[in-house]
Amino acid sequence: MFFFDYMLGLIGSLLLVICVMVGVAFLTLLERKVLGYIQIRKGPNKVGFMGLLQPFSDAIKLFTKEQTYPLLSNYIFYYFSPVFSLFLSLLIWMCIPYLIKLYSFNLGVLFFFCITSLGVYTVMVAGWSSNSNYALLGGLRAVAQTISYEVSLALILLSFIFLIGGYNFLMFYEYQLYVWFIFFCFPLALVWFASCLAETNRTPFDFAEGESELVSGFNVEYSSGGFALIFLAEYASILFMSMLFSVIFLGSDIYSLFFFFKLSFISFMFIWVRGTLPRFRYDKLMYLAWKSFLPMSLNYLGGFVGLKIFFMVMLY
């Protein structure tokens, strides 16, 4: 019986990872198509019908190219940091709130924070182990940015933890059966979305990969497979953050088709922002995190705690 449960969990995890990878492949295609139409040109349209096979040809091209590495790099760390980065991006999907409880997580929110915090180290190690000044500078900027915005993310989630009274993502489903949280926490939803953009190093906060001034940042020394793994990890994180936004703010009805339309729309917004907004200045990024988002998150946290205490006093 135990072996059967173990195998069921293993097969379920494998299917989830495969589906996430396919989702990531088509997210890259969606991005290239949307950016193409924003810039009034066609996106990729040669490989397959309307370019549908483009992500797979890109993957084959990247993984068959020659793998180069800097002679003076710290080779073991340089080689394994993209692998570990992708591993973390896929591992974080295990806290997805399935009603069948693929993995029964009563502490799913804490698991989410642990994995996202570990993601910082892969960027830092990738930048440092390349033994290049450009890569190191990009890595340091990415670490400072990610740590700054994690504080706001943690406080926003802590507000909801006080509201729902637990660390399980399934409780978001129960509490949003009648009304979505976005209706009475709209400013918080905007702060969460902006923090997710900064957390996943996306425009207008893509300082880790600021091509125009950093020559691609922390991944400048990576080619072929290593670059592809970093690329996959970033897009898997974008997809997960979109899913999490839908779970927290848009009603966590994960078994309805409408949930996946919401998830796709949030992913589209990540791309829409990239096609519309220019890059922020770095000092303004830090100013936004510590002077704007942090006070707002703290105010909401205080408000939710007060609300919870008020209702407990009223009930008892």
Protein backbone atom coordinates (compact mmCIF):
# COMPACT_ATOMS: atom_id res chain seq x y z
CA MET A 1 0.00 0.00 0.00
CA PHE A 2 2.81 2.37 0.95
CA PHE A 3 4.68 1.49 -2.28
CA PHE A 4 1.53 2.19 -4.34
CA ASP A 5 1.08 5.62 -2.68
CA TYR A 6 4.76 6.39 -3.20
CA MET A 7 4.60 5.49 -6.91
CA LEU A 8 1.38 7.47 -7.36
CA GLY A 9 3.05 10.57 -5.86
CA LEU A 10 6.12 10.03 -8.06
CA ILE A 11 4.09 9.67 -11.27
CA GLY A 12 1.94 12.68 -10.33
CA SER A 13 5.08 14.79 -9.74
CA LEU A 14 6.57 13.65 -13.05
CA LEU A 15 3.39 14.56 -14.94
CA LEU A 16 3.32 17.96 -13.21
CA VAL A 17 6.95 18.67 -14.18
CA ILE A 18 6.34 17.63 -17.81
CA CYS A 19 3.22 19.81 -18.03
CA VAL A 20 5.11 22.78 -16.51
CA MET A 21 7.91 22.33 -19.06
CA VAL A 22 5.43 22.26 -21.95
CA GLY A 23 3.70 25.32 -20.45
CA VAL A 24 7.05 27.12 -20.27
CA ALA A 25 7.78 26.24 -23.92
CA PHE A 26 4.52 27.78 -25.11
CA LEU A 27 4.89 30.76 -22.74
CA THR A 28 8.11 31.66 -24.61
CA LEU A 29 6.20 31.39 -27.89
CA LEU A 30 3.40 33.57 -26.51
CA GLU A 31 5.95 36.15 -25.40
CA ARG A 32 7.64 36.31 -28.79
CA LYS A 33 4.28 36.55 -30.58
CA VAL A 34 2.89 39.25 -28.27
CA LEU A 35 6.10 41.31 -28.39
CA GLY A 36 6.02 40.95 -32.18
CA TYR A 37 2.50 42.37 -32.41
CA ILE A 38 3.28 45.13 -29.87
CA GLN A 39 6.20 46.17 -32.10
CA ILE A 40 3.96 45.86 -35.21
CA ARG A 41 5.73 42.86 -36.76
CA LYS A 42 5.16 39.12 -36.98
CA GLY A 43 6.43 36.86 -34.23
CA PRO A 44 8.08 33.51 -35.09
CA ASN A 45 5.94 31.97 -37.88
CA LYS A 46 8.18 29.69 -39.92
CA VAL A 47 8.57 26.47 -37.88
CA GLY A 48 5.35 24.48 -37.93
CA PHE A 49 1.85 25.96 -38.27
CA MET A 50 2.00 29.66 -37.17
CA GLY A 51 5.33 28.96 -35.44
CA LEU A 52 3.85 26.44 -32.96
CA LEU A 53 6.95 24.21 -33.10
CA GLN A 54 9.35 27.15 -32.61
CA PRO A 55 9.99 26.52 -28.85
CA PHE A 56 11.02 22.93 -29.57
CA SER A 57 13.40 23.94 -32.37
CA ASP A 58 14.87 26.57 -30.02
CA ALA A 59 15.41 23.90 -27.35
CA ILE A 60 17.09 21.55 -29.83
CA LYS A 61 19.31 24.40 -31.10
CA LEU A 62 20.36 25.45 -27.59
CA PHE A 63 21.08 21.98 -26.25
CA THR A 64 23.05 20.84 -29.34
CA LYS A 65 25.36 23.87 -29.41
CA GLU A 66 28.88 23.55 -28.04
CA GLN A 67 29.14 24.09 -24.28
CA THR A 68 31.89 26.62 -23.53
CA TYR A 69 33.16 27.65 -20.12
CA PRO A 70 35.68 30.28 -18.95
CA LEU A 71 39.10 28.83 -18.25
CA LEU A 72 39.42 30.55 -14.85
CA SER A 73 35.86 29.87 -13.70
CA ASN A 74 35.01 27.83 -10.62
CA TYR A 75 33.84 24.97 -12.81
CA ILE A 76 31.72 22.84 -10.42
CA PHE A 77 29.69 25.81 -9.16
CA TYR A 78 29.54 27.31 -12.65
CA TYR A 79 28.21 24.04 -14.09
CA PHE A 80 25.66 23.18 -11.41
CA SER A 81 24.08 26.56 -10.57
CA PRO A 82 21.76 26.58 -13.66
CA VAL A 83 20.78 22.97 -12.92
CA PHE A 84 19.99 23.82 -9.30
CA SER A 85 18.11 26.94 -10.43
CA LEU A 86 15.80 24.89 -12.67
CA PHE A 87 15.41 22.25 -9.96
CA LEU A 88 14.19 24.90 -7.48
CA SER A 89 11.83 26.42 -10.06
CA LEU A 90 10.22 23.01 -10.60
CA LEU A 91 10.28 22.01 -6.91
CA ILE A 92 8.25 25.09 -5.96
CA TRP A 93 5.33 23.72 -8.04
CA MET A 94 4.89 20.98 -5.43
CA CYS A 95 2.99 23.40 -3.16
CA ILE A 96 0.26 23.91 -5.80
CA PRO A 97 -3.06 23.55 -3.89
CA TYR A 98 -4.58 20.39 -5.40
CA LEU A 99 -7.73 19.22 -3.62
CA ILE A 100 -6.47 15.64 -4.09
CA LYS A 101 -3.41 16.72 -2.05
CA LEU A 102 -0.67 15.39 -4.31
CA TYR A 103 1.63 16.44 -1.49
CA SER A 104 -0.27 17.30 1.65
CA PHE A 105 1.13 20.70 2.62
CA ASN A 106 -0.19 22.32 5.75
CA LEU A 107 2.78 24.68 5.60
CA GLY A 108 2.70 25.42 1.86
CA VAL A 109 3.28 29.17 2.33
CA LEU A 110 6.46 28.55 4.34
CA PHE A 111 7.64 26.05 1.69
CA PHE A 112 7.10 28.73 -0.96
CA PHE A 113 9.24 31.21 0.99
CA CYS A 114 12.01 28.68 1.59
CA ILE A 115 12.31 27.82 -2.10
CA THR A 116 12.13 31.43 -3.37
CA SER A 117 14.80 32.44 -0.84
CA LEU A 118 17.07 29.64 -2.08
CA GLY A 119 16.62 30.89 -5.65
CA VAL A 120 18.72 33.95 -4.76
CA TYR A 121 21.78 31.78 -4.14
CA THR A 122 21.72 30.24 -7.63
CA VAL A 123 21.90 33.70 -9.23
CA MET A 124 24.66 34.77 -6.83
CA VAL A 125 26.72 31.61 -7.41
CA ALA A 126 26.21 31.80 -11.21
CA GLY A 127 27.54 35.38 -11.21
CA TRP A 128 30.43 34.67 -8.85
CA SER A 129 31.62 31.35 -10.30
CA SER A 130 31.94 32.76 -13.85
CA ASN A 131 34.95 34.78 -12.60
CA SER A 132 33.87 37.76 -14.71
CA ASN A 133 33.37 41.30 -13.45
CA TYR A 134 30.23 41.79 -15.55
CA ALA A 135 28.66 38.56 -14.32
CA LEU A 136 29.52 39.34 -10.70
CA LEU A 137 28.05 42.84 -10.96
CA GLY A 138 24.85 41.47 -12.50
CA GLY A 139 24.62 38.80 -9.80
CA LEU A 140 25.05 41.33 -6.97
CA ARG A 141 22.37 43.61 -8.41
CA ALA A 142 19.98 40.66 -8.79
CA VAL A 143 20.55 39.50 -5.20
CA ALA A 144 19.99 43.00 -3.74
CA GLN A 145 16.81 43.39 -5.80
CA THR A 146 15.36 39.95 -4.98
CA ILE A 147 16.02 40.23 -1.25
CA SER A 148 14.42 43.72 -1.16
CA TYR A 149 11.19 42.59 -2.81
CA GLU A 150 10.97 39.30 -0.87
CA VAL A 151 10.29 41.39 2.26
CA SER A 152 7.16 42.93 0.68
CA LEU A 153 6.01 39.54 -0.64
CA ALA A 154 6.43 37.98 2.81
CA LEU A 155 4.47 40.75 4.54
CA ILE A 156 1.62 40.59 2.01
CA LEU A 157 1.32 36.83 2.43
CA LEU A 158 1.56 37.24 6.20
CA SER A 159 -1.46 39.58 6.04
CA PHE A 160 -3.48 36.84 4.35
CA ILE A 161 -2.18 34.23 6.80
CA PHE A 162 -3.67 36.31 9.64
CA LEU A 163 -6.88 36.66 7.64
CA ILE A 164 -7.38 32.97 6.78
CA GLY A 165 -5.72 31.60 9.93
CA GLY A 166 -3.38 29.02 8.39
CA TYR A 167 -0.37 28.32 6.15
CA ASN A 168 -2.19 26.01 3.73
CA PHE A 169 -2.84 27.31 0.21
CA LEU A 170 -6.04 25.22 0.12
CA MET A 171 -7.59 27.65 2.62
CA PHE A 172 -7.48 30.38 -0.03
CA TYR A 173 -9.96 28.27 -2.01
CA GLU A 174 -12.33 27.96 0.95
CA TYR A 175 -12.19 31.67 1.81
CA GLN A 176 -12.83 32.81 -1.79
CA LEU A 177 -15.89 30.70 -2.59
CA TYR A 178 -18.17 33.77 -2.54
CA VAL A 179 -15.90 36.78 -3.11
CA TRP A 180 -12.35 37.10 -4.47
CA PHE A 181 -9.71 38.79 -2.33
CA ILE A 182 -8.81 41.16 -5.20
CA PHE A 183 -12.08 43.08 -4.67
CA PHE A 184 -11.18 44.33 -1.19
CA CYS A 185 -7.37 44.18 -1.54
CA PHE A 186 -6.89 45.70 -4.99
CA PRO A 187 -3.91 47.96 -4.03
CA LEU A 188 -2.30 44.94 -2.36
CA ALA A 189 -2.80 42.92 -5.56
CA LEU A 190 -1.00 45.63 -7.57
CA VAL A 191 1.89 45.68 -5.07
CA TRP A 192 2.06 41.87 -5.22
CA PHE A 193 2.16 41.93 -9.04
CA ALA A 194 4.91 44.57 -9.12
CA SER A 195 6.89 42.60 -6.51
CA CYS A 196 6.49 39.44 -8.62
CA LEU A 197 7.94 41.31 -11.61
CA ALA A 198 10.94 42.32 -9.49
CA GLU A 199 11.25 38.84 -7.95
CA THR A 200 11.40 37.14 -11.36
CA ASN A 201 13.80 39.77 -12.80
CA ARG A 202 11.34 40.94 -15.45
CA THR A 203 11.03 44.32 -17.19
CA PRO A 204 10.89 47.03 -15.88
CA PHE A 205 13.02 45.50 -13.10
CA ASP A 206 15.38 43.34 -15.20
CA PHE A 207 18.61 44.69 -13.69
CA ALA A 208 20.13 41.23 -13.39
CA GLU A 209 20.03 40.98 -17.19
CA GLY A 210 20.18 44.67 -18.12
CA GLU A 211 21.43 44.00 -21.65
CA SER A 212 21.99 47.64 -22.59
CA GLU A 213 24.48 48.32 -19.80
CA LEU A 214 25.51 44.95 -18.32
CA VAL A 215 25.94 42.73 -21.41
CA SER A 216 23.30 40.27 -20.12
CA GLY A 217 24.34 40.36 -16.45
CA PHE A 218 24.96 37.26 -14.34
CA ASN A 219 24.49 34.79 -17.25
CA VAL A 220 26.90 36.51 -19.63
CA GLU A 221 29.39 33.60 -19.60
CA TYR A 222 26.78 30.89 -20.14
CA SER A 223 26.13 29.32 -23.52
CA SER A 224 24.01 26.50 -24.98
CA GLY A 225 22.64 24.18 -22.24
CA GLY A 226 23.55 26.35 -19.23
CA PHE A 227 21.84 29.40 -20.71
CA ALA A 228 18.80 27.29 -21.68
CA LEU A 229 18.43 26.03 -18.10
CA ILE A 230 18.58 29.58 -16.66
CA PHE A 231 16.02 30.65 -19.29
CA LEU A 232 13.70 27.72 -18.40
CA ALA A 233 14.01 28.45 -14.67
CA GLU A 234 13.01 32.10 -15.19
CA TYR A 235 9.92 31.23 -17.23
CA ALA A 236 8.88 28.44 -14.85
CA SER A 237 9.01 31.05 -12.05
CA ILE A 238 6.86 33.46 -14.10
CA LEU A 239 4.28 30.73 -14.67
CA PHE A 240 4.29 29.82 -10.96
CA MET A 241 3.91 33.46 -9.87
CA SER A 242 0.95 33.79 -12.25
CA MET A 243 -0.59 30.68 -10.71
CA LEU A 244 0.01 32.02 -7.21
CA PHE A 245 -1.57 35.37 -8.06
CA SER A 246 -4.66 33.52 -9.30
CA VAL A 247 -4.73 31.38 -6.13
CA ILE A 248 -4.38 34.30 -3.70
CA PHE A 249 -6.44 37.01 -5.38
CA LEU A 250 -8.66 35.49 -8.09
CA GLY A 251 -10.40 32.59 -6.36
CA SER A 252 -8.42 29.37 -6.02
CA ASP A 253 -10.85 27.14 -7.99
CA ILE A 254 -8.04 25.11 -9.52
CA TYR A 255 -10.37 22.49 -11.05
CA SER A 256 -12.26 24.92 -13.27
CA LEU A 257 -11.11 25.80 -16.77
CA PHE A 258 -11.66 29.48 -15.92
CA PHE A 259 -8.75 29.28 -13.41
CA PHE A 260 -6.36 28.52 -16.26
CA PHE A 261 -7.71 31.43 -18.30
CA LYS A 262 -6.93 33.66 -15.31
CA LEU A 263 -3.45 32.15 -15.04
CA SER A 264 -2.84 32.75 -18.76
CA PHE A 265 -4.03 36.35 -18.48
CA ILE A 266 -1.62 37.08 -15.59
CA SER A 267 1.23 35.52 -17.63
CA PHE A 268 0.16 37.70 -20.56
CA MET A 269 0.38 40.76 -18.25
CA PHE A 270 4.04 39.90 -17.50
CA ILE A 271 4.67 40.04 -21.26
CA TRP A 272 2.49 43.12 -21.76
CA VAL A 273 4.52 45.02 -19.14
CA ARG A 274 7.74 43.98 -20.91
CA GLY A 275 6.49 45.32 -24.23
CA THR A 276 5.25 48.59 -22.75
CA LEU A 277 7.48 49.91 -19.96
CA PRO A 278 11.12 51.02 -20.10
CA ARG A 279 13.65 49.86 -17.50
CA PHE A 280 13.61 51.53 -14.10
CA ARG A 281 16.65 53.26 -12.60
CA TYR A 282 18.31 51.11 -9.94
CA ASP A 283 18.10 53.59 -7.06
CA LYS A 284 14.40 54.13 -7.87
CA LEU A 285 13.88 50.37 -7.70
CA MET A 286 15.29 50.27 -4.17
CA TYR A 287 13.39 53.41 -3.20
CA LEU A 288 10.15 51.81 -4.41
CA ALA A 289 10.78 48.64 -2.39
CA TRP A 290 11.73 50.23 0.94
CA LYS A 291 9.86 53.57 0.89
CA SER A 292 6.60 52.63 -0.88
CA PHE A 293 5.86 48.90 -0.90
CA LEU A 294 7.16 48.11 2.59
CA PRO A 295 5.07 50.76 4.46
CA MET A 296 1.99 49.78 2.47
CA SER A 297 2.45 46.07 3.20
CA LEU A 298 2.96 46.85 6.91
CA ASN A 299 -0.20 48.97 6.99
CA TYR A 300 -2.25 46.20 5.43
CA LEU A 301 -0.71 43.69 7.84
CA GLY A 302 -1.70 45.89 10.80
CA GLY A 303 -5.18 46.35 9.32
CA PHE A 304 -5.73 42.60 8.84
CA VAL A 305 -4.49 41.81 12.36
CA GLY A 306 -6.85 44.46 13.76
CA LEU A 307 -9.71 43.04 11.69
CA LYS A 308 -9.04 39.52 12.95
CA ILE A 309 -8.89 40.65 16.60
CA PHE A 310 -12.11 42.67 16.15
CA PHE A 311 -14.03 39.68 14.78
CA MET A 312 -12.65 37.35 17.48
CA VAL A 313 -13.80 39.81 20.19
CA MET A 314 -17.22 40.14 18.52
CA LEU A 315 -17.65 36.36 18.30
CA TYR A 316 -16.61 35.55 21.85
